[in-house]
Amino acid sequence: MSTSNYVPKLSTRGVHEGAPTFFRACCFEAKHGGASSYAHPGWHLAGALGSQIPPDIEVHDWADEVETLRDLLADDDGEGVWKWFKQHYPRCFALIPSRRRDQFIEGVRRAFEEGRVEV
């Protein structure tokens, strides 16, 4: 992973207020030794960015934010990807142990490679 110069915006705009049910279920499965790791919730959340838009941001602004994420993924900036999700989906990150962050990022990368990271 590259060292990132990515600095999260200080604005609270564009913050999802909860953790989607599908995400909680994926994390529960990963935590309790299910067949999948924390890559599974990463893959699912990355693929659901179009349906999990924070309520306090316009769609075109969200599209810009997702483009920033795509740039981080294209640059193989795992630290920046982690910070991006942590900024926009803080309640989701209460469910991911920090020692499992590489698994989460792996799932996000897989979704990106499959063309699923879109609004």
PDB file of N, CA and C in Angstrom:
ATOM      1  N   MET A   1       0.832  -1.184   0.000  1.00  0.00           N
ATOM      2  CA  MET A   1       0.000   0.000   0.000  1.00  0.00           C
ATOM      3  C   MET A   1       0.871   1.240   0.000  1.00  0.00           C
ATOM      4  N   SER A   2       0.404   2.248  -0.670  1.00  0.00           N
ATOM      5  CA  SER A   2       1.157   3.486  -0.708  1.00  0.00           C
ATOM      6  C   SER A   2       0.836   4.344   0.510  1.00  0.00           C
ATOM      7  N   THR A   3       1.764   5.212   0.827  1.00  0.00           N
ATOM      8  CA  THR A   3       1.505   6.180   1.890  1.00  0.00           C
ATOM      9  C   THR A   3       0.635   7.268   1.305  1.00  0.00           C
ATOM     10  N   SER A   4      -0.365   7.667   2.021  1.00  0.00           N
ATOM     11  CA  SER A   4      -1.360   8.575   1.477  1.00  0.00           C
ATOM     12  C   SER A   4      -1.158   9.996   1.945  1.00  0.00           C
ATOM     13  N   ASN A   5      -1.444  10.902   1.047  1.00  0.00           N
ATOM     14  CA  ASN A   5      -1.529  12.311   1.406  1.00  0.00           C
ATOM     15  C   ASN A   5      -2.977  12.715   1.552  1.00  0.00           C
ATOM     16  N   TYR A   6      -3.864  11.746   1.470  1.00  0.00           N
ATOM     17  CA  TYR A   6      -5.301  11.998   1.546  1.00  0.00           C
ATOM     18  C   TYR A   6      -5.654  12.490   2.941  1.00  0.00           C
ATOM     19  N   VAL A   7      -6.281  13.648   3.000  1.00  0.00           N
ATOM     20  CA  VAL A   7      -6.731  14.205   4.267  1.00  0.00           C
ATOM     21  C   VAL A   7      -8.243  14.315   4.197  1.00  0.00           C
ATOM     22  N   PRO A   8      -8.962  13.576   5.059  1.00  0.00           N
ATOM     23  CA  PRO A   8     -10.426  13.663   5.016  1.00  0.00           C
ATOM     24  C   PRO A   8     -10.898  15.098   5.238  1.00  0.00           C
ATOM     25  N   LYS A   9     -11.953  15.441   4.549  1.00  0.00           N
ATOM     26  CA  LYS A   9     -12.547  16.763   4.718  1.00  0.00           C
ATOM     27  C   LYS A   9     -13.077  16.898   6.140  1.00  0.00           C
ATOM     28  N   LEU A  10     -13.007  18.071   6.685  1.00  0.00           N
ATOM     29  CA  LEU A  10     -13.496  18.293   8.039  1.00  0.00           C
ATOM     30  C   LEU A  10     -15.008  18.438   8.074  1.00  0.00           C
ATOM     31  N   SER A  11     -15.610  18.616   6.923  1.00  0.00           N
ATOM     32  CA  SER A  11     -17.049  18.759   6.846  1.00  0.00           C
ATOM     33  C   SER A  11     -17.739  17.474   7.296  1.00  0.00           C
ATOM     34  N   THR A  12     -18.885  17.628   7.900  1.00  0.00           N
ATOM     35  CA  THR A  12     -19.667  16.456   8.267  1.00  0.00           C
ATOM     36  C   THR A  12     -20.666  16.124   7.165  1.00  0.00           C
ATOM     37  N   ARG A  13     -20.630  16.845   6.086  1.00  0.00           N
ATOM     38  CA  ARG A  13     -21.510  16.602   4.948  1.00  0.00           C
ATOM     39  C   ARG A  13     -21.116  15.293   4.275  1.00  0.00           C
ATOM     40  N   GLY A  14     -22.115  14.520   3.880  1.00  0.00           N
ATOM     41  CA  GLY A  14     -21.849  13.269   3.191  1.00  0.00           C
ATOM     42  C   GLY A  14     -21.562  12.118   4.137  1.00  0.00           C
ATOM     43  N   VAL A  15     -22.151  12.154   5.321  1.00  0.00           N
ATOM     44  CA  VAL A  15     -21.942  11.089   6.301  1.00  0.00           C
ATOM     45  C   VAL A  15     -23.223  10.269   6.419  1.00  0.00           C
ATOM     46  N   HIS A  16     -23.084   8.984   6.168  1.00  0.00           N
ATOM     47  CA  HIS A  16     -24.221   8.067   6.300  1.00  0.00           C
ATOM     48  C   HIS A  16     -24.525   7.932   7.790  1.00  0.00           C
ATOM     49  N   GLU A  17     -25.790   7.970   8.142  1.00  0.00           N
ATOM     50  CA  GLU A  17     -26.167   8.016   9.556  1.00  0.00           C
ATOM     51  C   GLU A  17     -26.255   6.658  10.242  1.00  0.00           C
ATOM     52  N   GLY A  18     -26.116   5.589   9.506  1.00  0.00           N
ATOM     53  CA  GLY A  18     -26.256   4.274  10.129  1.00  0.00           C
ATOM     54  C   GLY A  18     -25.396   3.227   9.453  1.00  0.00           C
ATOM     55  N   ALA A  19     -25.680   2.000   9.800  1.00  0.00           N
ATOM     56  CA  ALA A  19     -25.024   0.858   9.166  1.00  0.00           C
ATOM     57  C   ALA A  19     -26.129   0.020   8.535  1.00  0.00           C
ATOM     58  N   PRO A  20     -26.115  -0.116   7.207  1.00  0.00           N
ATOM     59  CA  PRO A  20     -27.169  -0.884   6.545  1.00  0.00           C
ATOM     60  C   PRO A  20     -27.274  -2.314   7.086  1.00  0.00           C
ATOM     61  N   THR A  21     -28.468  -2.842   7.061  1.00  0.00           N
ATOM     62  CA  THR A  21     -28.710  -4.194   7.577  1.00  0.00           C
ATOM     63  C   THR A  21     -27.828  -5.220   6.891  1.00  0.00           C
ATOM     64  N   PHE A  22     -27.695  -5.141   5.568  1.00  0.00           N
ATOM     65  CA  PHE A  22     -26.868  -6.112   4.860  1.00  0.00           C
ATOM     66  C   PHE A  22     -25.425  -6.052   5.347  1.00  0.00           C
ATOM     67  N   PHE A  23     -24.947  -4.842   5.667  1.00  0.00           N
ATOM     68  CA  PHE A  23     -23.571  -4.677   6.133  1.00  0.00           C
ATOM     69  C   PHE A  23     -23.398  -5.281   7.523  1.00  0.00           C
ATOM     70  N   ARG A  24     -24.362  -5.013   8.398  1.00  0.00           N
ATOM     71  CA  ARG A  24     -24.309  -5.587   9.753  1.00  0.00           C
ATOM     72  C   ARG A  24     -24.318  -7.109   9.687  1.00  0.00           C
ATOM     73  N   ALA A  25     -25.145  -7.666   8.808  1.00  0.00           N
ATOM     74  CA  ALA A  25     -25.226  -9.129   8.677  1.00  0.00           C
ATOM     75  C   ALA A  25     -23.908  -9.703   8.168  1.00  0.00           C
ATOM     76  N   CYS A  26     -23.294  -9.053   7.194  1.00  0.00           N
ATOM     77  CA  CYS A  26     -22.003  -9.523   6.667  1.00  0.00           C
ATOM     78  C   CYS A  26     -20.922  -9.474   7.747  1.00  0.00           C
ATOM     79  N   CYS A  27     -20.922  -8.409   8.539  1.00  0.00           N
ATOM     80  CA  CYS A  27     -19.933  -8.285   9.616  1.00  0.00           C
ATOM     81  C   CYS A  27     -20.169  -9.332  10.700  1.00  0.00           C
ATOM     82  N   PHE A  28     -21.439  -9.595  11.001  1.00  0.00           N
ATOM     83  CA  PHE A  28     -21.771 -10.615  11.996  1.00  0.00           C
ATOM     84  C   PHE A  28     -21.231 -11.969  11.541  1.00  0.00           C
ATOM     85  N   GLU A  29     -21.437 -12.279  10.280  1.00  0.00           N
ATOM     86  CA  GLU A  29     -20.958 -13.553   9.736  1.00  0.00           C
ATOM     87  C   GLU A  29     -19.435 -13.637   9.799  1.00  0.00           C
ATOM     88  N   ALA A  30     -18.751 -12.563   9.407  1.00  0.00           N
ATOM     89  CA  ALA A  30     -17.288 -12.558   9.438  1.00  0.00           C
ATOM     90  C   ALA A  30     -16.767 -12.676  10.870  1.00  0.00           C
ATOM     91  N   LYS A  31     -17.413 -12.000  11.790  1.00  0.00           N
ATOM     92  CA  LYS A  31     -16.983 -12.017  13.193  1.00  0.00           C
ATOM     93  C   LYS A  31     -17.132 -13.400  13.817  1.00  0.00           C
ATOM     94  N   HIS A  32     -18.176 -14.101  13.418  1.00  0.00           N
ATOM     95  CA  HIS A  32     -18.475 -15.393  14.033  1.00  0.00           C
ATOM     96  C   HIS A  32     -17.991 -16.581  13.219  1.00  0.00           C
ATOM     97  N   GLY A  33     -16.969 -16.355  12.411  1.00  0.00           N
ATOM     98  CA  GLY A  33     -16.335 -17.462  11.715  1.00  0.00           C
ATOM     99  C   GLY A  33     -17.116 -18.013  10.540  1.00  0.00           C
ATOM    100  N   GLY A  34     -17.882 -17.171   9.922  1.00  0.00           N
ATOM    101  CA  GLY A  34     -18.614 -17.607   8.744  1.00  0.00           C
ATOM    102  C   GLY A  34     -17.657 -17.930   7.605  1.00  0.00           C
ATOM    103  N   ALA A  35     -18.209 -18.307   6.497  1.00  0.00           N
ATOM    104  CA  ALA A  35     -17.401 -18.687   5.339  1.00  0.00           C
ATOM    105  C   ALA A  35     -16.660 -17.500   4.730  1.00  0.00           C
ATOM    106  N   SER A  36     -17.074 -16.291   5.057  1.00  0.00           N
ATOM    107  CA  SER A  36     -16.440 -15.116   4.455  1.00  0.00           C
ATOM    108  C   SER A  36     -15.695 -14.304   5.505  1.00  0.00           C
ATOM    109  N   SER A  37     -14.761 -13.516   5.016  1.00  0.00           N
ATOM    110  CA  SER A  37     -13.992 -12.627   5.878  1.00  0.00           C
ATOM    111  C   SER A  37     -14.614 -11.228   5.819  1.00  0.00           C
ATOM    112  N   TYR A  38     -13.917 -10.255   6.342  1.00  0.00           N
ATOM    113  CA  TYR A  38     -14.391  -8.877   6.283  1.00  0.00           C
ATOM    114  C   TYR A  38     -14.280  -8.296   4.872  1.00  0.00           C
ATOM    115  N   ALA A  39     -13.738  -9.065   3.932  1.00  0.00           N
ATOM    116  CA  ALA A  39     -13.765  -8.645   2.532  1.00  0.00           C
ATOM    117  C   ALA A  39     -15.208  -8.639   2.022  1.00  0.00           C
ATOM    118  N   HIS A  40     -16.013  -9.540   2.542  1.00  0.00           N
ATOM    119  CA  HIS A  40     -17.408  -9.660   2.105  1.00  0.00           C
ATOM    120  C   HIS A  40     -18.200  -8.373   2.374  1.00  0.00           C
ATOM    121  N   PRO A  41     -18.191  -7.828   3.598  1.00  0.00           N
ATOM    122  CA  PRO A  41     -18.907  -6.559   3.793  1.00  0.00           C
ATOM    123  C   PRO A  41     -18.288  -5.415   2.986  1.00  0.00           C
ATOM    124  N   GLY A  42     -16.967  -5.427   2.787  1.00  0.00           N
ATOM    125  CA  GLY A  42     -16.324  -4.399   1.970  1.00  0.00           C
ATOM    126  C   GLY A  42     -16.829  -4.431   0.536  1.00  0.00           C
ATOM    127  N   TRP A  43     -16.923  -5.629  -0.020  1.00  0.00           N
ATOM    128  CA  TRP A  43     -17.404  -5.807  -1.383  1.00  0.00           C
ATOM    129  C   TRP A  43     -18.845  -5.328  -1.509  1.00  0.00           C
ATOM    130  N   HIS A  44     -19.680  -5.720  -0.543  1.00  0.00           N
ATOM    131  CA  HIS A  44     -21.094  -5.339  -0.586  1.00  0.00           C
ATOM    132  C   HIS A  44     -21.301  -3.832  -0.415  1.00  0.00           C
ATOM    133  N   LEU A  45     -20.601  -3.223   0.532  1.00  0.00           N
ATOM    134  CA  LEU A  45     -20.777  -1.782   0.744  1.00  0.00           C
ATOM    135  C   LEU A  45     -20.260  -0.996  -0.461  1.00  0.00           C
ATOM    136  N   ALA A  46     -19.122  -1.396  -1.006  1.00  0.00           N
ATOM    137  CA  ALA A  46     -18.574  -0.702  -2.177  1.00  0.00           C
ATOM    138  C   ALA A  46     -19.532  -0.789  -3.362  1.00  0.00           C
ATOM    139  N   GLY A  47     -20.223  -1.894  -3.479  1.00  0.00           N
ATOM    140  CA  GLY A  47     -21.169  -2.060  -4.572  1.00  0.00           C
ATOM    141  C   GLY A  47     -22.505  -1.396  -4.343  1.00  0.00           C
ATOM    142  N   ALA A  48     -22.740  -0.901  -3.148  1.00  0.00           N
ATOM    143  CA  ALA A  48     -24.031  -0.290  -2.806  1.00  0.00           C
ATOM    144  C   ALA A  48     -23.948   1.228  -2.635  1.00  0.00           C
ATOM    145  N   LEU A  49     -22.891   1.845  -3.092  1.00  0.00           N
ATOM    146  CA  LEU A  49     -22.726   3.280  -2.889  1.00  0.00           C
ATOM    147  C   LEU A  49     -23.848   4.090  -3.524  1.00  0.00           C
ATOM    148  N   GLY A  50     -24.420   3.582  -4.592  1.00  0.00           N
ATOM    149  CA  GLY A  50     -25.523   4.283  -5.239  1.00  0.00           C
ATOM    150  C   GLY A  50     -26.818   4.219  -4.460  1.00  0.00           C
ATOM    151  N   SER A  51     -26.983   3.186  -3.640  1.00  0.00           N
ATOM    152  CA  SER A  51     -28.208   3.067  -2.846  1.00  0.00           C
ATOM    153  C   SER A  51     -28.008   3.465  -1.388  1.00  0.00           C
ATOM    154  N   GLN A  52     -26.787   3.721  -0.998  1.00  0.00           N
ATOM    155  CA  GLN A  52     -26.480   4.105   0.385  1.00  0.00           C
ATOM    156  C   GLN A  52     -25.888   5.514   0.442  1.00  0.00           C
ATOM    157  N   ILE A  53     -26.539   6.419  -0.261  1.00  0.00           N
ATOM    158  CA  ILE A  53     -26.081   7.807  -0.307  1.00  0.00           C
ATOM    159  C   ILE A  53     -26.442   8.485   1.016  1.00  0.00           C
ATOM    160  N   PRO A  54     -25.482   9.148   1.641  1.00  0.00           N
ATOM    161  CA  PRO A  54     -25.808   9.887   2.859  1.00  0.00           C
ATOM    162  C   PRO A  54     -26.926  10.893   2.593  1.00  0.00           C
ATOM    163  N   PRO A  55     -27.822  11.082   3.549  1.00  0.00           N
ATOM    164  CA  PRO A  55     -28.987  11.933   3.312  1.00  0.00           C
ATOM    165  C   PRO A  55     -28.670  13.417   3.204  1.00  0.00           C
ATOM    166  N   ASP A  56     -27.492  13.821   3.614  1.00  0.00           N
ATOM    167  CA  ASP A  56     -27.176  15.244   3.653  1.00  0.00           C
ATOM    168  C   ASP A  56     -26.315  15.720   2.485  1.00  0.00           C
ATOM    169  N   ILE A  57     -26.340  14.960   1.378  1.00  0.00           N
ATOM    170  CA  ILE A  57     -25.513  15.331   0.235  1.00  0.00           C
ATOM    171  C   ILE A  57     -26.302  15.115  -1.054  1.00  0.00           C
ATOM    172  N   GLU A  58     -26.116  16.000  -1.999  1.00  0.00           N
ATOM    173  CA  GLU A  58     -26.779  15.884  -3.293  1.00  0.00           C
ATOM    174  C   GLU A  58     -26.121  14.765  -4.107  1.00  0.00           C
ATOM    175  N   VAL A  59     -26.891  14.170  -4.994  1.00  0.00           N
ATOM    176  CA  VAL A  59     -26.394  13.039  -5.784  1.00  0.00           C
ATOM    177  C   VAL A  59     -25.158  13.431  -6.591  1.00  0.00           C
ATOM    178  N   HIS A  60     -25.149  14.599  -7.198  1.00  0.00           N
ATOM    179  CA  HIS A  60     -23.982  14.983  -8.006  1.00  0.00           C
ATOM    180  C   HIS A  60     -22.741  15.189  -7.129  1.00  0.00           C
ATOM    181  N   ASP A  61     -22.929  15.688  -5.907  1.00  0.00           N
ATOM    182  CA  ASP A  61     -21.798  15.825  -4.986  1.00  0.00           C
ATOM    183  C   ASP A  61     -21.315  14.453  -4.526  1.00  0.00           C
ATOM    184  N   TRP A  62     -22.254  13.541  -4.309  1.00  0.00           N
ATOM    185  CA  TRP A  62     -21.893  12.179  -3.923  1.00  0.00           C
ATOM    186  C   TRP A  62     -21.117  11.505  -5.057  1.00  0.00           C
ATOM    187  N   ALA A  63     -21.525  11.756  -6.288  1.00  0.00           N
ATOM    188  CA  ALA A  63     -20.810  11.188  -7.439  1.00  0.00           C
ATOM    189  C   ALA A  63     -19.354  11.668  -7.441  1.00  0.00           C
ATOM    190  N   ASP A  64     -19.129  12.922  -7.069  1.00  0.00           N
ATOM    191  CA  ASP A  64     -17.760  13.438  -6.966  1.00  0.00           C
ATOM    192  C   ASP A  64     -16.982  12.716  -5.867  1.00  0.00           C
ATOM    193  N   GLU A  65     -17.649  12.473  -4.745  1.00  0.00           N
ATOM    194  CA  GLU A  65     -16.996  11.754  -3.643  1.00  0.00           C
ATOM    195  C   GLU A  65     -16.634  10.323  -4.070  1.00  0.00           C
ATOM    196  N   VAL A  66     -17.545   9.674  -4.767  1.00  0.00           N
ATOM    197  CA  VAL A  66     -17.282   8.305  -5.228  1.00  0.00           C
ATOM    198  C   VAL A  66     -16.148   8.310  -6.248  1.00  0.00           C
ATOM    199  N   GLU A  67     -16.071   9.342  -7.051  1.00  0.00           N
ATOM    200  CA  GLU A  67     -14.953   9.451  -7.999  1.00  0.00           C
ATOM    201  C   GLU A  67     -13.632   9.572  -7.244  1.00  0.00           C
ATOM    202  N   THR A  68     -13.635  10.299  -6.142  1.00  0.00           N
ATOM    203  CA  THR A  68     -12.438  10.376  -5.298  1.00  0.00           C
ATOM    204  C   THR A  68     -12.047   8.990  -4.810  1.00  0.00           C
ATOM    205  N   LEU A  69     -13.027   8.207  -4.378  1.00  0.00           N
ATOM    206  CA  LEU A  69     -12.758   6.842  -3.939  1.00  0.00           C
ATOM    207  C   LEU A  69     -12.181   6.020  -5.087  1.00  0.00           C
ATOM    208  N   ARG A  70     -12.754   6.135  -6.262  1.00  0.00           N
ATOM    209  CA  ARG A  70     -12.256   5.392  -7.425  1.00  0.00           C
ATOM    210  C   ARG A  70     -10.798   5.770  -7.719  1.00  0.00           C
ATOM    211  N   ASP A  71     -10.468   7.038  -7.586  1.00  0.00           N
ATOM    212  CA  ASP A  71      -9.082   7.479  -7.791  1.00  0.00           C
ATOM    213  C   ASP A  71      -8.153   6.838  -6.761  1.00  0.00           C
ATOM    214  N   LEU A  72      -8.593   6.794  -5.514  1.00  0.00           N
ATOM    215  CA  LEU A  72      -7.784   6.164  -4.460  1.00  0.00           C
ATOM    216  C   LEU A  72      -7.556   4.680  -4.770  1.00  0.00           C
ATOM    217  N   LEU A  73      -8.598   4.025  -5.236  1.00  0.00           N
ATOM    218  CA  LEU A  73      -8.481   2.608  -5.589  1.00  0.00           C
ATOM    219  C   LEU A  73      -7.558   2.415  -6.789  1.00  0.00           C
ATOM    220  N   ALA A  74      -7.676   3.269  -7.781  1.00  0.00           N
ATOM    221  CA  ALA A  74      -6.810   3.182  -8.960  1.00  0.00           C
ATOM    222  C   ALA A  74      -5.350   3.407  -8.593  1.00  0.00           C
ATOM    223  N   ASP A  75      -5.123   4.247  -7.578  1.00  0.00           N
ATOM    224  CA  ASP A  75      -3.757   4.522  -7.103  1.00  0.00           C
ATOM    225  C   ASP A  75      -3.266   3.482  -6.101  1.00  0.00           C
ATOM    226  N   ASP A  76      -4.097   2.485  -5.813  1.00  0.00           N
ATOM    227  CA  ASP A  76      -3.770   1.439  -4.842  1.00  0.00           C
ATOM    228  C   ASP A  76      -3.428   2.039  -3.474  1.00  0.00           C
ATOM    229  N   ASP A  77      -4.214   3.025  -3.073  1.00  0.00           N
ATOM    230  CA  ASP A  77      -4.014   3.742  -1.813  1.00  0.00           C
ATOM    231  C   ASP A  77      -4.951   3.173  -0.745  1.00  0.00           C
ATOM    232  N   GLY A  78      -4.563   2.057  -0.163  1.00  0.00           N
ATOM    233  CA  GLY A  78      -5.394   1.400   0.837  1.00  0.00           C
ATOM    234  C   GLY A  78      -5.699   2.276   2.037  1.00  0.00           C
ATOM    235  N   GLU A  79      -4.731   3.025   2.491  1.00  0.00           N
ATOM    236  CA  GLU A  79      -4.941   3.923   3.638  1.00  0.00           C
ATOM    237  C   GLU A  79      -5.985   4.984   3.300  1.00  0.00           C
ATOM    238  N   GLY A  80      -5.888   5.554   2.106  1.00  0.00           N
ATOM    239  CA  GLY A  80      -6.861   6.543   1.676  1.00  0.00           C
ATOM    240  C   GLY A  80      -8.254   5.961   1.535  1.00  0.00           C
ATOM    241  N   VAL A  81      -8.338   4.724   1.022  1.00  0.00           N
ATOM    242  CA  VAL A  81      -9.630   4.042   0.893  1.00  0.00           C
ATOM    243  C   VAL A  81     -10.243   3.842   2.273  1.00  0.00           C
ATOM    244  N   TRP A  82      -9.461   3.362   3.215  1.00  0.00           N
ATOM    245  CA  TRP A  82      -9.941   3.149   4.585  1.00  0.00           C
ATOM    246  C   TRP A  82     -10.469   4.460   5.177  1.00  0.00           C
ATOM    247  N   LYS A  83      -9.709   5.536   5.020  1.00  0.00           N
ATOM    248  CA  LYS A  83     -10.117   6.836   5.566  1.00  0.00           C
ATOM    249  C   LYS A  83     -11.385   7.343   4.875  1.00  0.00           C
ATOM    250  N   TRP A  84     -11.504   7.109   3.567  1.00  0.00           N
ATOM    251  CA  TRP A  84     -12.690   7.549   2.835  1.00  0.00           C
ATOM    252  C   TRP A  84     -13.934   6.883   3.403  1.00  0.00           C
ATOM    253  N   PHE A  85     -13.899   5.566   3.550  1.00  0.00           N
ATOM    254  CA  PHE A  85     -15.058   4.854   4.095  1.00  0.00           C
ATOM    255  C   PHE A  85     -15.306   5.236   5.549  1.00  0.00           C
ATOM    256  N   LYS A  86     -14.256   5.392   6.307  1.00  0.00           N
ATOM    257  CA  LYS A  86     -14.416   5.757   7.720  1.00  0.00           C
ATOM    258  C   LYS A  86     -15.056   7.138   7.859  1.00  0.00           C
ATOM    259  N   GLN A  87     -14.728   8.043   6.950  1.00  0.00           N
ATOM    260  CA  GLN A  87     -15.311   9.390   6.976  1.00  0.00           C
ATOM    261  C   GLN A  87     -16.792   9.340   6.613  1.00  0.00           C
ATOM    262  N   HIS A  88     -17.144   8.591   5.573  1.00  0.00           N
ATOM    263  CA  HIS A  88     -18.511   8.611   5.059  1.00  0.00           C
ATOM    264  C   HIS A  88     -19.448   7.607   5.738  1.00  0.00           C
ATOM    265  N   TYR A  89     -18.907   6.559   6.314  1.00  0.00           N
ATOM    266  CA  TYR A  89     -19.727   5.511   6.941  1.00  0.00           C
ATOM    267  C   TYR A  89     -19.184   5.166   8.336  1.00  0.00           C
ATOM    268  N   PRO A  90     -19.128   6.140   9.234  1.00  0.00           N
ATOM    269  CA  PRO A  90     -18.498   5.897  10.542  1.00  0.00           C
ATOM    270  C   PRO A  90     -19.166   4.794  11.359  1.00  0.00           C
ATOM    271  N   ARG A  91     -20.458   4.643  11.280  1.00  0.00           N
ATOM    272  CA  ARG A  91     -21.118   3.596  12.071  1.00  0.00           C
ATOM    273  C   ARG A  91     -20.792   2.204  11.550  1.00  0.00           C
ATOM    274  N   CYS A  92     -20.527   2.105  10.281  1.00  0.00           N
ATOM    275  CA  CYS A  92     -20.105   0.817   9.732  1.00  0.00           C
ATOM    276  C   CYS A  92     -18.759   0.414  10.326  1.00  0.00           C
ATOM    277  N   PHE A  93     -17.913   1.392  10.534  1.00  0.00           N
ATOM    278  CA  PHE A  93     -16.570   1.078  10.992  1.00  0.00           C
ATOM    279  C   PHE A  93     -16.483   0.710  12.451  1.00  0.00           C
ATOM    280  N   ALA A  94     -17.533   0.936  13.185  1.00  0.00           N
ATOM    281  CA  ALA A  94     -17.594   0.437  14.559  1.00  0.00           C
ATOM    282  C   ALA A  94     -17.703  -1.086  14.542  1.00  0.00           C
ATOM    283  N   LEU A  95     -18.068  -1.658  13.405  1.00  0.00           N
ATOM    284  CA  LEU A  95     -18.266  -3.107  13.280  1.00  0.00           C
ATOM    285  C   LEU A  95     -17.053  -3.837  12.714  1.00  0.00           C
ATOM    286  N   ILE A  96     -16.045  -3.107  12.288  1.00  0.00           N
ATOM    287  CA  ILE A  96     -14.870  -3.723  11.671  1.00  0.00           C
ATOM    288  C   ILE A  96     -13.662  -3.558  12.592  1.00  0.00           C
ATOM    289  N   PRO A  97     -13.118  -4.665  13.101  1.00  0.00           N
ATOM    290  CA  PRO A  97     -11.900  -4.555  13.915  1.00  0.00           C
ATOM    291  C   PRO A  97     -10.764  -3.977  13.070  1.00  0.00           C
ATOM    292  N   SER A  98      -9.987  -3.075  13.636  1.00  0.00           N
ATOM    293  CA  SER A  98      -8.915  -2.439  12.861  1.00  0.00           C
ATOM    294  C   SER A  98      -7.929  -3.472  12.318  1.00  0.00           C
ATOM    295  N   ARG A  99      -7.765  -4.581  13.003  1.00  0.00           N
ATOM    296  CA  ARG A  99      -6.851  -5.617  12.508  1.00  0.00           C
ATOM    297  C   ARG A  99      -7.391  -6.319  11.262  1.00  0.00           C
ATOM    298  N   ARG A 100      -8.651  -6.070  10.917  1.00  0.00           N
ATOM    299  CA  ARG A 100      -9.276  -6.685   9.740  1.00  0.00           C
ATOM    300  C   ARG A 100      -9.441  -5.695   8.586  1.00  0.00           C
ATOM    301  N   ARG A 101      -8.856  -4.517   8.727  1.00  0.00           N
ATOM    302  CA  ARG A 101      -9.048  -3.499   7.704  1.00  0.00           C
ATOM    303  C   ARG A 101      -8.509  -3.917   6.352  1.00  0.00           C
ATOM    304  N   ASP A 102      -7.412  -4.680   6.306  1.00  0.00           N
ATOM    305  CA  ASP A 102      -6.880  -5.132   5.020  1.00  0.00           C
ATOM    306  C   ASP A 102      -7.871  -6.049   4.311  1.00  0.00           C
ATOM    307  N   GLN A 103      -8.597  -6.860   5.079  1.00  0.00           N
ATOM    308  CA  GLN A 103      -9.619  -7.717   4.481  1.00  0.00           C
ATOM    309  C   GLN A 103     -10.732  -6.852   3.874  1.00  0.00           C
ATOM    310  N   PHE A 104     -11.177  -5.844   4.623  1.00  0.00           N
ATOM    311  CA  PHE A 104     -12.216  -4.949   4.128  1.00  0.00           C
ATOM    312  C   PHE A 104     -11.777  -4.284   2.829  1.00  0.00           C
ATOM    313  N   ILE A 105     -10.572  -3.734   2.825  1.00  0.00           N
ATOM    314  CA  ILE A 105     -10.056  -3.052   1.639  1.00  0.00           C
ATOM    315  C   ILE A 105      -9.937  -4.024   0.469  1.00  0.00           C
ATOM    316  N   GLU A 106      -9.558  -5.258   0.740  1.00  0.00           N
ATOM    317  CA  GLU A 106      -9.489  -6.281  -0.305  1.00  0.00           C
ATOM    318  C   GLU A 106     -10.852  -6.453  -0.987  1.00  0.00           C
ATOM    319  N   GLY A 107     -11.913  -6.479  -0.193  1.00  0.00           N
ATOM    320  CA  GLY A 107     -13.253  -6.604  -0.755  1.00  0.00           C
ATOM    321  C   GLY A 107     -13.648  -5.393  -1.580  1.00  0.00           C
ATOM    322  N   VAL A 108     -13.282  -4.202  -1.110  1.00  0.00           N
ATOM    323  CA  VAL A 108     -13.571  -2.980  -1.853  1.00  0.00           C
ATOM    324  C   VAL A 108     -12.814  -3.004  -3.181  1.00  0.00           C
ATOM    325  N   ARG A 109     -11.554  -3.425  -3.143  1.00  0.00           N
ATOM    326  CA  ARG A 109     -10.758  -3.499  -4.379  1.00  0.00           C
ATOM    327  C   ARG A 109     -11.380  -4.477  -5.375  1.00  0.00           C
ATOM    328  N   ARG A 110     -11.845  -5.592  -4.870  1.00  0.00           N
ATOM    329  CA  ARG A 110     -12.466  -6.593  -5.757  1.00  0.00           C
ATOM    330  C   ARG A 110     -13.713  -5.994  -6.417  1.00  0.00           C
ATOM    331  N   ALA A 111     -14.528  -5.270  -5.647  1.00  0.00           N
ATOM    332  CA  ALA A 111     -15.711  -4.619  -6.214  1.00  0.00           C
ATOM    333  C   ALA A 111     -15.304  -3.598  -7.279  1.00  0.00           C
ATOM    334  N   PHE A 112     -14.238  -2.867  -7.025  1.00  0.00           N
ATOM    335  CA  PHE A 112     -13.732  -1.881  -7.989  1.00  0.00           C
ATOM    336  C   PHE A 112     -13.285  -2.576  -9.274  1.00  0.00           C
ATOM    337  N   GLU A 113     -12.541  -3.646  -9.133  1.00  0.00           N
ATOM    338  CA  GLU A 113     -12.065  -4.389 -10.303  1.00  0.00           C
ATOM    339  C   GLU A 113     -13.221  -4.964 -11.120  1.00  0.00           C
ATOM    340  N   GLU A 114     -14.332  -5.254 -10.457  1.00  0.00           N
ATOM    341  CA  GLU A 114     -15.512  -5.782 -11.141  1.00  0.00           C
ATOM    342  C   GLU A 114     -16.423  -4.676 -11.679  1.00  0.00           C
ATOM    343  N   GLY A 115     -16.033  -3.416 -11.483  1.00  0.00           N
ATOM    344  CA  GLY A 115     -16.818  -2.295 -11.988  1.00  0.00           C
ATOM    345  C   GLY A 115     -18.049  -1.986 -11.173  1.00  0.00           C
ATOM    346  N   ARG A 116     -18.061  -2.374  -9.899  1.00  0.00           N
ATOM    347  CA  ARG A 116     -19.234  -2.182  -9.043  1.00  0.00           C
ATOM    348  C   ARG A 116     -19.201  -0.899  -8.214  1.00  0.00           C
ATOM    349  N   VAL A 117     -18.105  -0.156  -8.211  1.00  0.00           N
ATOM    350  CA  VAL A 117     -17.986   1.049  -7.384  1.00  0.00           C
ATOM    351  C   VAL A 117     -18.481   2.242  -8.202  1.00  0.00           C
ATOM    352  N   GLU A 118     -19.786   2.475  -8.103  1.00  0.00           N
ATOM    353  CA  GLU A 118     -20.431   3.538  -8.865  1.00  0.00           C
ATOM    354  C   GLU A 118     -21.627   4.066  -8.100  1.00  0.00           C
ATOM    355  N   VAL A 119     -22.124   5.209  -8.553  1.00  0.00           N
ATOM    356  CA  VAL A 119     -23.321   5.797  -7.941  1.00  0.00           C
ATOM    357  C   VAL A 119     -24.536   5.276  -8.675  1.00  0.00           C
TER     358      VAL A 119
END
